[in-house]
Amino acid sequence: HEEGTFYQSIKDQLRRDLAIGYLSHTKRSAMDIGMELGFSERSAFHRAFKKWTGASPGEFRRRLQP
């Protein structure tokens, strides 16, 4: 808190980085990734991912394909 960083911000950054890594380097479903990252609903993970990256998990993964 003294450094201006809050727990939720750190948690969101970690979730974002892990989600991007899983979507980039595995074939796991977005639902599985969201559940592992602690989202209770698929839609909550999709909303958060879109907020973080500007794309849904599916769109993000499609953009990675050649």
PDB file of N, CA and C in Angstrom:
ATOM      1  N   HIS A   1       0.829  -1.186   0.000  1.00  0.00           N
ATOM      2  CA  HIS A   1       0.000   0.000   0.000  1.00  0.00           C
ATOM      3  C   HIS A   1       0.877   1.254   0.000  1.00  0.00           C
ATOM      4  N   GLU A   2       1.970   1.218   0.729  1.00  0.00           N
ATOM      5  CA  GLU A   2       2.851   2.381   0.794  1.00  0.00           C
ATOM      6  C   GLU A   2       3.453   2.719  -0.568  1.00  0.00           C
ATOM      7  N   GLU A   3       3.630   1.729  -1.421  1.00  0.00           N
ATOM      8  CA  GLU A   3       4.191   1.948  -2.745  1.00  0.00           C
ATOM      9  C   GLU A   3       3.123   2.252  -3.783  1.00  0.00           C
ATOM     10  N   GLY A   4       1.876   2.346  -3.360  1.00  0.00           N
ATOM     11  CA  GLY A   4       0.791   2.658  -4.278  1.00  0.00           C
ATOM     12  C   GLY A   4       0.257   1.452  -5.039  1.00  0.00           C
ATOM     13  N   THR A   5       0.627   0.259  -4.655  1.00  0.00           N
ATOM     14  CA  THR A   5       0.164  -0.955  -5.308  1.00  0.00           C
ATOM     15  C   THR A   5      -0.806  -1.667  -4.377  1.00  0.00           C
ATOM     16  N   PHE A   6      -1.946  -2.002  -4.910  1.00  0.00           N
ATOM     17  CA  PHE A   6      -2.952  -2.679  -4.122  1.00  0.00           C
ATOM     18  C   PHE A   6      -3.011  -4.152  -4.503  1.00  0.00           C
ATOM     19  N   TYR A   7      -3.459  -4.960  -3.563  1.00  0.00           N
ATOM     20  CA  TYR A   7      -3.550  -6.400  -3.754  1.00  0.00           C
ATOM     21  C   TYR A   7      -4.313  -6.753  -5.023  1.00  0.00           C
ATOM     22  N   GLN A   8      -5.472  -6.149  -5.240  1.00  0.00           N
ATOM     23  CA  GLN A   8      -6.296  -6.491  -6.398  1.00  0.00           C
ATOM     24  C   GLN A   8      -5.559  -6.194  -7.708  1.00  0.00           C
ATOM     25  N   SER A   9      -4.815  -5.122  -7.740  1.00  0.00           N
ATOM     26  CA  SER A   9      -4.053  -4.770  -8.934  1.00  0.00           C
ATOM     27  C   SER A   9      -2.989  -5.823  -9.240  1.00  0.00           C
ATOM     28  N   ILE A  10      -2.283  -6.249  -8.223  1.00  0.00           N
ATOM     29  CA  ILE A  10      -1.265  -7.285  -8.398  1.00  0.00           C
ATOM     30  C   ILE A  10      -1.916  -8.590  -8.845  1.00  0.00           C
ATOM     31  N   LYS A  11      -3.037  -8.938  -8.225  1.00  0.00           N
ATOM     32  CA  LYS A  11      -3.763 -10.163  -8.573  1.00  0.00           C
ATOM     33  C   LYS A  11      -4.236 -10.115 -10.026  1.00  0.00           C
ATOM     34  N   ASP A  12      -4.763  -8.976 -10.461  1.00  0.00           N
ATOM     35  CA  ASP A  12      -5.223  -8.832 -11.840  1.00  0.00           C
ATOM     36  C   ASP A  12      -4.069  -8.939 -12.832  1.00  0.00           C
ATOM     37  N   GLN A  13      -2.936  -8.336 -12.508  1.00  0.00           N
ATOM     38  CA  GLN A  13      -1.771  -8.417 -13.391  1.00  0.00           C
ATOM     39  C   GLN A  13      -1.290  -9.856 -13.535  1.00  0.00           C
ATOM     40  N   LEU A  14      -1.261 -10.575 -12.434  1.00  0.00           N
ATOM     41  CA  LEU A  14      -0.835 -11.969 -12.473  1.00  0.00           C
ATOM     42  C   LEU A  14      -1.815 -12.814 -13.274  1.00  0.00           C
ATOM     43  N   ARG A  15      -3.105 -12.619 -13.035  1.00  0.00           N
ATOM     44  CA  ARG A  15      -4.115 -13.356 -13.792  1.00  0.00           C
ATOM     45  C   ARG A  15      -3.996 -13.062 -15.285  1.00  0.00           C
ATOM     46  N   ARG A  16      -3.821 -11.789 -15.636  1.00  0.00           N
ATOM     47  CA  ARG A  16      -3.677 -11.407 -17.044  1.00  0.00           C
ATOM     48  C   ARG A  16      -2.476 -12.112 -17.675  1.00  0.00           C
ATOM     49  N   ASP A  17      -1.339 -12.042 -17.017  1.00  0.00           N
ATOM     50  CA  ASP A  17      -0.118 -12.647 -17.558  1.00  0.00           C
ATOM     51  C   ASP A  17      -0.258 -14.159 -17.712  1.00  0.00           C
ATOM     52  N   LEU A  18      -0.846 -14.808 -16.716  1.00  0.00           N
ATOM     53  CA  LEU A  18      -1.046 -16.255 -16.801  1.00  0.00           C
ATOM     54  C   LEU A  18      -2.027 -16.609 -17.916  1.00  0.00           C
ATOM     55  N   ALA A  19      -3.116 -15.862 -18.020  1.00  0.00           N
ATOM     56  CA  ALA A  19      -4.111 -16.129 -19.062  1.00  0.00           C
ATOM     57  C   ALA A  19      -3.490 -15.992 -20.446  1.00  0.00           C
ATOM     58  N   ILE A  20      -2.723 -14.938 -20.663  1.00  0.00           N
ATOM     59  CA  ILE A  20      -2.065 -14.738 -21.951  1.00  0.00           C
ATOM     60  C   ILE A  20      -1.108 -15.893 -22.238  1.00  0.00           C
ATOM     61  N   GLY A  21      -0.354 -16.300 -21.245  1.00  0.00           N
ATOM     62  CA  GLY A  21       0.566 -17.420 -21.424  1.00  0.00           C
ATOM     63  C   GLY A  21      -0.147 -18.713 -21.760  1.00  0.00           C
ATOM     64  N   TYR A  22      -1.212 -19.023 -21.033  1.00  0.00           N
ATOM     65  CA  TYR A  22      -1.965 -20.249 -21.293  1.00  0.00           C
ATOM     66  C   TYR A  22      -2.590 -20.227 -22.693  1.00  0.00           C
ATOM     67  N   LEU A  23      -3.170 -19.097 -23.067  1.00  0.00           N
ATOM     68  CA  LEU A  23      -3.801 -19.008 -24.388  1.00  0.00           C
ATOM     69  C   LEU A  23      -2.772 -19.064 -25.505  1.00  0.00           C
ATOM     70  N   SER A  24      -1.592 -18.554 -25.244  1.00  0.00           N
ATOM     71  CA  SER A  24      -0.535 -18.516 -26.261  1.00  0.00           C
ATOM     72  C   SER A  24       0.185 -19.841 -26.422  1.00  0.00           C
ATOM     73  N   HIS A  25       0.312 -20.598 -25.332  1.00  0.00           N
ATOM     74  CA  HIS A  25       1.197 -21.753 -25.355  1.00  0.00           C
ATOM     75  C   HIS A  25       0.539 -23.092 -25.045  1.00  0.00           C
ATOM     76  N   THR A  26      -0.779 -23.099 -24.862  1.00  0.00           N
ATOM     77  CA  THR A  26      -1.474 -24.359 -24.621  1.00  0.00           C
ATOM     78  C   THR A  26      -2.732 -24.407 -25.474  1.00  0.00           C
ATOM     79  N   LYS A  27      -3.344 -25.555 -25.500  1.00  0.00           N
ATOM     80  CA  LYS A  27      -4.619 -25.733 -26.211  1.00  0.00           C
ATOM     81  C   LYS A  27      -5.790 -25.778 -25.225  1.00  0.00           C
ATOM     82  N   ARG A  28      -5.530 -25.436 -23.989  1.00  0.00           N
ATOM     83  CA  ARG A  28      -6.582 -25.472 -22.967  1.00  0.00           C
ATOM     84  C   ARG A  28      -7.708 -24.517 -23.339  1.00  0.00           C
ATOM     85  N   SER A  29      -8.917 -24.882 -22.955  1.00  0.00           N
ATOM     86  CA  SER A  29     -10.070 -24.039 -23.264  1.00  0.00           C
ATOM     87  C   SER A  29     -10.056 -22.790 -22.386  1.00  0.00           C
ATOM     88  N   ALA A  30     -10.693 -21.754 -22.880  1.00  0.00           N
ATOM     89  CA  ALA A  30     -10.804 -20.518 -22.112  1.00  0.00           C
ATOM     90  C   ALA A  30     -11.539 -20.773 -20.798  1.00  0.00           C
ATOM     91  N   MET A  31     -12.511 -21.664 -20.823  1.00  0.00           N
ATOM     92  CA  MET A  31     -13.257 -21.992 -19.608  1.00  0.00           C
ATOM     93  C   MET A  31     -12.335 -22.619 -18.562  1.00  0.00           C
ATOM     94  N   ASP A  32     -11.497 -23.571 -18.974  1.00  0.00           N
ATOM     95  CA  ASP A  32     -10.554 -24.200 -18.046  1.00  0.00           C
ATOM     96  C   ASP A  32      -9.567 -23.182 -17.481  1.00  0.00           C
ATOM     97  N   ILE A  33      -9.077 -22.313 -18.348  1.00  0.00           N
ATOM     98  CA  ILE A  33      -8.119 -21.294 -17.912  1.00  0.00           C
ATOM     99  C   ILE A  33      -8.774 -20.367 -16.905  1.00  0.00           C
ATOM    100  N   GLY A  34      -9.969 -19.898 -17.216  1.00  0.00           N
ATOM    101  CA  GLY A  34     -10.688 -19.007 -16.306  1.00  0.00           C
ATOM    102  C   GLY A  34     -10.934 -19.642 -14.947  1.00  0.00           C
ATOM    103  N   MET A  35     -11.326 -20.910 -14.947  1.00  0.00           N
ATOM    104  CA  MET A  35     -11.570 -21.602 -13.680  1.00  0.00           C
ATOM    105  C   MET A  35     -10.281 -21.734 -12.878  1.00  0.00           C
ATOM    106  N   GLU A  36      -9.178 -22.078 -13.544  1.00  0.00           N
ATOM    107  CA  GLU A  36      -7.909 -22.215 -12.832  1.00  0.00           C
ATOM    108  C   GLU A  36      -7.452 -20.882 -12.239  1.00  0.00           C
ATOM    109  N   LEU A  37      -7.778 -19.798 -12.916  1.00  0.00           N
ATOM    110  CA  LEU A  37      -7.368 -18.478 -12.434  1.00  0.00           C
ATOM    111  C   LEU A  37      -8.319 -17.900 -11.390  1.00  0.00           C
ATOM    112  N   GLY A  38      -9.342 -18.662 -11.028  1.00  0.00           N
ATOM    113  CA  GLY A  38     -10.207 -18.265  -9.932  1.00  0.00           C
ATOM    114  C   GLY A  38     -11.486 -17.561 -10.315  1.00  0.00           C
ATOM    115  N   PHE A  39     -11.830 -17.572 -11.596  1.00  0.00           N
ATOM    116  CA  PHE A  39     -13.101 -16.970 -12.014  1.00  0.00           C
ATOM    117  C   PHE A  39     -14.195 -18.011 -11.843  1.00  0.00           C
ATOM    118  N   SER A  40     -15.295 -17.606 -11.252  1.00  0.00           N
ATOM    119  CA  SER A  40     -16.367 -18.559 -10.974  1.00  0.00           C
ATOM    120  C   SER A  40     -17.264 -18.784 -12.179  1.00  0.00           C
ATOM    121  N   GLU A  41     -17.230 -17.865 -13.141  1.00  0.00           N
ATOM    122  CA  GLU A  41     -18.069 -17.984 -14.332  1.00  0.00           C
ATOM    123  C   GLU A  41     -17.264 -17.668 -15.574  1.00  0.00           C
ATOM    124  N   ARG A  42     -17.607 -18.337 -16.649  1.00  0.00           N
ATOM    125  CA  ARG A  42     -16.934 -18.115 -17.930  1.00  0.00           C
ATOM    126  C   ARG A  42     -17.052 -16.657 -18.355  1.00  0.00           C
ATOM    127  N   SER A  43     -18.236 -16.073 -18.193  1.00  0.00           N
ATOM    128  CA  SER A  43     -18.458 -14.697 -18.634  1.00  0.00           C
ATOM    129  C   SER A  43     -17.590 -13.704 -17.859  1.00  0.00           C
ATOM    130  N   ALA A  44     -17.346 -13.965 -16.594  1.00  0.00           N
ATOM    131  CA  ALA A  44     -16.499 -13.066 -15.801  1.00  0.00           C
ATOM    132  C   ALA A  44     -15.064 -13.077 -16.322  1.00  0.00           C
ATOM    133  N   PHE A  45     -14.566 -14.261 -16.684  1.00  0.00           N
ATOM    134  CA  PHE A  45     -13.227 -14.348 -17.254  1.00  0.00           C
ATOM    135  C   PHE A  45     -13.171 -13.626 -18.597  1.00  0.00           C
ATOM    136  N   HIS A  46     -14.161 -13.829 -19.437  1.00  0.00           N
ATOM    137  CA  HIS A  46     -14.182 -13.175 -20.745  1.00  0.00           C
ATOM    138  C   HIS A  46     -14.194 -11.654 -20.603  1.00  0.00           C
ATOM    139  N   ARG A  47     -15.011 -11.139 -19.694  1.00  0.00           N
ATOM    140  CA  ARG A  47     -15.061  -9.679 -19.478  1.00  0.00           C
ATOM    141  C   ARG A  47     -13.725  -9.145 -19.002  1.00  0.00           C
ATOM    142  N   ALA A  48     -13.129  -9.835 -18.041  1.00  0.00           N
ATOM    143  CA  ALA A  48     -11.834  -9.390 -17.511  1.00  0.00           C
ATOM    144  C   ALA A  48     -10.765  -9.448 -18.585  1.00  0.00           C
ATOM    145  N   PHE A  49     -10.729 -10.525 -19.358  1.00  0.00           N
ATOM    146  CA  PHE A  49      -9.707 -10.665 -20.392  1.00  0.00           C
ATOM    147  C   PHE A  49      -9.859  -9.572 -21.441  1.00  0.00           C
ATOM    148  N   LYS A  50     -11.089  -9.274 -21.809  1.00  0.00           N
ATOM    149  CA  LYS A  50     -11.333  -8.214 -22.803  1.00  0.00           C
ATOM    150  C   LYS A  50     -10.906  -6.860 -22.246  1.00  0.00           C
ATOM    151  N   LYS A  51     -11.132  -6.637 -20.970  1.00  0.00           N
ATOM    152  CA  LYS A  51     -10.698  -5.388 -20.347  1.00  0.00           C
ATOM    153  C   LYS A  51      -9.171  -5.283 -20.360  1.00  0.00           C
ATOM    154  N   TRP A  52      -8.494  -6.392 -20.099  1.00  0.00           N
ATOM    155  CA  TRP A  52      -7.035  -6.396 -20.046  1.00  0.00           C
ATOM    156  C   TRP A  52      -6.392  -6.236 -21.414  1.00  0.00           C
ATOM    157  N   THR A  53      -6.982  -6.888 -22.448  1.00  0.00           N
ATOM    158  CA  THR A  53      -6.292  -6.983 -23.734  1.00  0.00           C
ATOM    159  C   THR A  53      -7.025  -6.318 -24.896  1.00  0.00           C
ATOM    160  N   GLY A  54      -8.290  -6.010 -24.717  1.00  0.00           N
ATOM    161  CA  GLY A  54      -9.078  -5.451 -25.811  1.00  0.00           C
ATOM    162  C   GLY A  54      -9.669  -6.518 -26.722  1.00  0.00           C
ATOM    163  N   ALA A  55      -9.467  -7.786 -26.391  1.00  0.00           N
ATOM    164  CA  ALA A  55      -9.987  -8.889 -27.200  1.00  0.00           C
ATOM    165  C   ALA A  55     -10.504  -9.979 -26.276  1.00  0.00           C
ATOM    166  N   SER A  56     -11.464 -10.750 -26.773  1.00  0.00           N
ATOM    167  CA  SER A  56     -11.915 -11.906 -26.007  1.00  0.00           C
ATOM    168  C   SER A  56     -10.822 -12.974 -26.058  1.00  0.00           C
ATOM    169  N   PRO A  57     -10.869 -13.960 -25.175  1.00  0.00           N
ATOM    170  CA  PRO A  57      -9.861 -15.020 -25.229  1.00  0.00           C
ATOM    171  C   PRO A  57      -9.806 -15.716 -26.594  1.00  0.00           C
ATOM    172  N   GLY A  58     -10.958 -15.977 -27.191  1.00  0.00           N
ATOM    173  CA  GLY A  58     -10.985 -16.618 -28.503  1.00  0.00           C
ATOM    174  C   GLY A  58     -10.374 -15.748 -29.584  1.00  0.00           C
ATOM    175  N   GLU A  59     -10.717 -14.464 -29.577  1.00  0.00           N
ATOM    176  CA  GLU A  59     -10.132 -13.541 -30.554  1.00  0.00           C
ATOM    177  C   GLU A  59      -8.621 -13.448 -30.377  1.00  0.00           C
ATOM    178  N   PHE A  60      -8.191 -13.380 -29.136  1.00  0.00           N
ATOM    179  CA  PHE A  60      -6.762 -13.303 -28.846  1.00  0.00           C
ATOM    180  C   PHE A  60      -6.037 -14.516 -29.415  1.00  0.00           C
ATOM    181  N   ARG A  61      -6.569 -15.686 -29.165  1.00  0.00           N
ATOM    182  CA  ARG A  61      -5.938 -16.917 -29.643  1.00  0.00           C
ATOM    183  C   ARG A  61      -5.931 -16.978 -31.175  1.00  0.00           C
ATOM    184  N   ARG A  62      -7.032 -16.561 -31.808  1.00  0.00           N
ATOM    185  CA  ARG A  62      -7.080 -16.562 -33.276  1.00  0.00           C
ATOM    186  C   ARG A  62      -6.045 -15.630 -33.879  1.00  0.00           C
ATOM    187  N   ARG A  63      -5.791 -14.511 -33.241  1.00  0.00           N
ATOM    188  CA  ARG A  63      -4.793 -13.554 -33.742  1.00  0.00           C
ATOM    189  C   ARG A  63      -3.389 -14.129 -33.701  1.00  0.00           C
ATOM    190  N   LEU A  64      -3.155 -15.090 -32.830  1.00  0.00           N
ATOM    191  CA  LEU A  64      -1.837 -15.703 -32.726  1.00  0.00           C
ATOM    192  C   LEU A  64      -1.550 -16.687 -33.848  1.00  0.00           C
ATOM    193  N   GLN A  65      -2.597 -17.198 -34.462  1.00  0.00           N
ATOM    194  CA  GLN A  65      -2.427 -18.206 -35.504  1.00  0.00           C
ATOM    195  C   GLN A  65      -1.961 -17.542 -36.799  1.00  0.00           C
ATOM    196  N   PRO A  66      -1.025 -18.188 -37.491  1.00  0.00           N
ATOM    197  CA  PRO A  66      -0.533 -17.624 -38.767  1.00  0.00           C
ATOM    198  C   PRO A  66      -1.563 -17.692 -39.875  1.00  0.00           C
TER     199      PRO A  66
END
